[in-house]
Amino acid sequence: MATEQLKPHQWQPGQSGNPNGRPVDAMKAEARAAKQYAKFKDIMLDLQELSTDDIKKWLDVPTRTMLEVTAGKLVLESSKGNLQALAAMSERLFGKVKDVQEVTQKKDWSEELEKADKAQLVTMLRKKA
């Protein structure tokens, strides 16, 4: 019974469920996010110049946006020595640190690897370990 009541409201073949297309706001979401991220970074950089007491006073203003409060609390917590807050703040300001590992090789194995068969390779690897 319920499906028969819905039939007149279903889309017909070839009919779009969204005839106006994607909303303009949805297409601009990425640009808005980038703008907010830049604003967040600017707030954090500005707050780093203030003392802890000044940051607390700044946070007490009731008209602060959620973005401002979040940035302020992050700077405040990092100034207290909260390492997680400091790490989060530095990642937002400077990006994540890439883990770089240098690999050094004492012996050139290229000639031996080209000549070796599977059994010899296994033996060579076991010696190396």
Protein backbone atom coordinates (compact mmCIF):
# COMPACT_ATOMS: atom_id res chain seq x y z
CA MET A 1 0.00 0.00 0.00
CA ALA A 2 2.77 2.46 0.95
CA THR A 3 4.65 1.89 -2.32
CA GLU A 4 1.56 2.68 -4.37
CA GLN A 5 1.18 5.98 -2.53
CA LEU A 6 4.80 6.88 -3.34
CA LYS A 7 4.63 6.00 -7.06
CA PRO A 8 3.31 9.39 -8.20
CA HIS A 9 6.22 11.08 -6.43
CA GLN A 10 8.98 8.90 -7.87
CA TRP A 11 11.26 10.20 -10.61
CA GLN A 12 10.40 9.16 -14.10
CA PRO A 13 13.03 7.46 -16.29
CA GLY A 14 15.49 10.10 -17.49
CA GLN A 15 14.34 12.63 -14.92
CA SER A 16 17.02 14.08 -12.65
CA GLY A 17 16.63 14.04 -8.90
CA ASN A 18 18.49 17.33 -8.82
CA PRO A 19 17.38 19.36 -11.86
CA ASN A 20 19.22 22.51 -10.74
CA GLY A 21 22.53 20.70 -10.38
CA ARG A 22 24.94 20.88 -7.49
CA PRO A 23 24.43 23.94 -5.29
CA VAL A 24 26.99 26.71 -5.73
CA ASP A 25 27.79 26.56 -2.03
CA ALA A 26 28.91 22.94 -2.30
CA MET A 27 31.37 23.84 -5.04
CA LYS A 28 32.83 26.63 -2.95
CA ALA A 29 33.22 24.51 0.20
CA GLU A 30 36.87 23.74 -0.47
CA ALA A 31 37.67 27.41 -1.03
CA ARG A 32 35.86 28.32 2.20
CA ALA A 33 37.77 25.64 4.11
CA ALA A 34 41.09 26.95 2.79
CA LYS A 35 40.11 30.48 3.80
CA GLN A 36 39.13 29.33 7.31
CA TYR A 37 42.39 27.39 7.64
CA ALA A 38 44.40 30.48 6.69
CA LYS A 39 42.41 32.56 9.19
CA PHE A 40 43.04 29.93 11.89
CA LYS A 41 46.77 30.09 11.24
CA ASP A 42 46.75 33.90 11.36
CA ILE A 43 44.92 33.90 14.69
CA MET A 44 47.40 31.45 16.19
CA LEU A 45 50.37 33.46 14.96
CA ASP A 46 48.91 36.67 16.39
CA LEU A 47 48.14 35.06 19.74
CA GLN A 48 51.66 33.71 20.09
CA GLU A 49 52.82 37.29 20.58
CA LEU A 50 50.60 37.73 23.66
CA SER A 51 51.19 36.73 27.27
CA THR A 52 49.16 33.96 28.86
CA ASP A 53 47.09 36.49 30.82
CA ASP A 54 46.39 38.50 27.66
CA ILE A 55 45.26 35.36 25.84
CA LYS A 56 42.89 34.54 28.71
CA LYS A 57 41.43 38.05 28.56
CA TRP A 58 41.14 37.76 24.78
CA LEU A 59 39.27 34.45 25.17
CA ASP A 60 36.84 35.98 27.69
CA VAL A 61 35.30 38.22 25.04
CA PRO A 62 31.85 36.64 24.50
CA THR A 63 31.65 37.52 20.80
CA ARG A 64 34.61 35.31 19.81
CA THR A 65 33.86 32.83 17.05
CA MET A 66 34.39 29.11 17.52
CA LEU A 67 37.42 29.35 15.24
CA GLU A 68 38.95 32.08 17.39
CA VAL A 69 38.23 30.23 20.64
CA THR A 70 39.71 27.00 19.27
CA ALA A 71 42.88 28.74 18.11
CA GLY A 72 43.14 30.66 21.38
CA LYS A 73 42.78 27.57 23.55
CA LEU A 74 45.30 25.70 21.43
CA VAL A 75 47.88 28.48 21.86
CA LEU A 76 47.05 28.78 25.58
CA GLU A 77 47.44 25.05 26.20
CA SER A 78 50.70 24.87 24.29
CA SER A 79 52.05 27.81 26.31
CA LYS A 80 51.30 25.80 29.48
CA GLY A 81 53.52 22.99 28.21
CA ASN A 82 50.82 20.70 26.80
CA LEU A 83 52.87 18.79 24.24
CA GLN A 84 49.84 17.49 22.34
CA ALA A 85 48.56 21.03 21.90
CA LEU A 86 52.01 22.20 20.86
CA ALA A 87 52.29 19.39 18.31
CA ALA A 88 48.81 20.13 16.93
CA MET A 89 49.59 23.84 16.70
CA SER A 90 52.94 23.34 14.98
CA GLU A 91 51.41 20.88 12.49
CA ARG A 92 48.78 23.44 11.55
CA LEU A 93 51.31 26.22 11.21
CA PHE A 94 54.18 24.38 9.54
CA GLY A 95 52.73 21.07 8.33
CA LYS A 96 53.58 17.59 9.50
CA VAL A 97 57.23 16.71 9.73
CA LYS A 98 58.18 14.09 7.20
CA ASP A 99 59.90 11.08 8.65
CA VAL A 100 63.15 10.81 6.72
CA GLN A 101 65.41 7.85 7.22
CA GLU A 102 68.83 7.62 5.70
CA VAL A 103 69.86 4.20 4.52
CA THR A 104 73.54 3.50 4.16
CA GLN A 105 75.14 0.49 2.62
CA LYS A 106 78.62 -0.65 3.53
CA LYS A 107 79.10 -3.10 0.68
CA ASP A 108 78.09 -2.93 -2.96
CA TRP A 109 76.03 -6.09 -3.47
CA SER A 110 74.90 -5.38 -7.02
CA GLU A 111 77.39 -7.67 -8.81
CA GLU A 112 76.86 -10.53 -6.38
CA LEU A 113 73.08 -10.22 -6.62
CA GLU A 114 73.18 -10.41 -10.41
CA LYS A 115 75.26 -13.58 -10.36
CA ALA A 116 73.56 -15.34 -7.44
CA ASP A 117 70.80 -17.90 -7.70
CA LYS A 118 67.91 -18.17 -5.22
CA ALA A 119 69.73 -20.39 -2.70
CA GLN A 120 72.75 -18.11 -2.68
CA LEU A 121 70.50 -15.05 -2.16
CA VAL A 122 68.89 -16.67 0.87
CA THR A 123 72.34 -17.44 2.29
CA MET A 124 73.51 -13.87 1.67
CA LEU A 125 70.44 -12.41 3.37
CA ARG A 126 70.84 -14.65 6.41
CA LYS A 127 74.48 -13.55 6.79
CA LYS A 128 73.40 -9.90 6.56
CA ALA A 129 70.78 -10.31 9.31
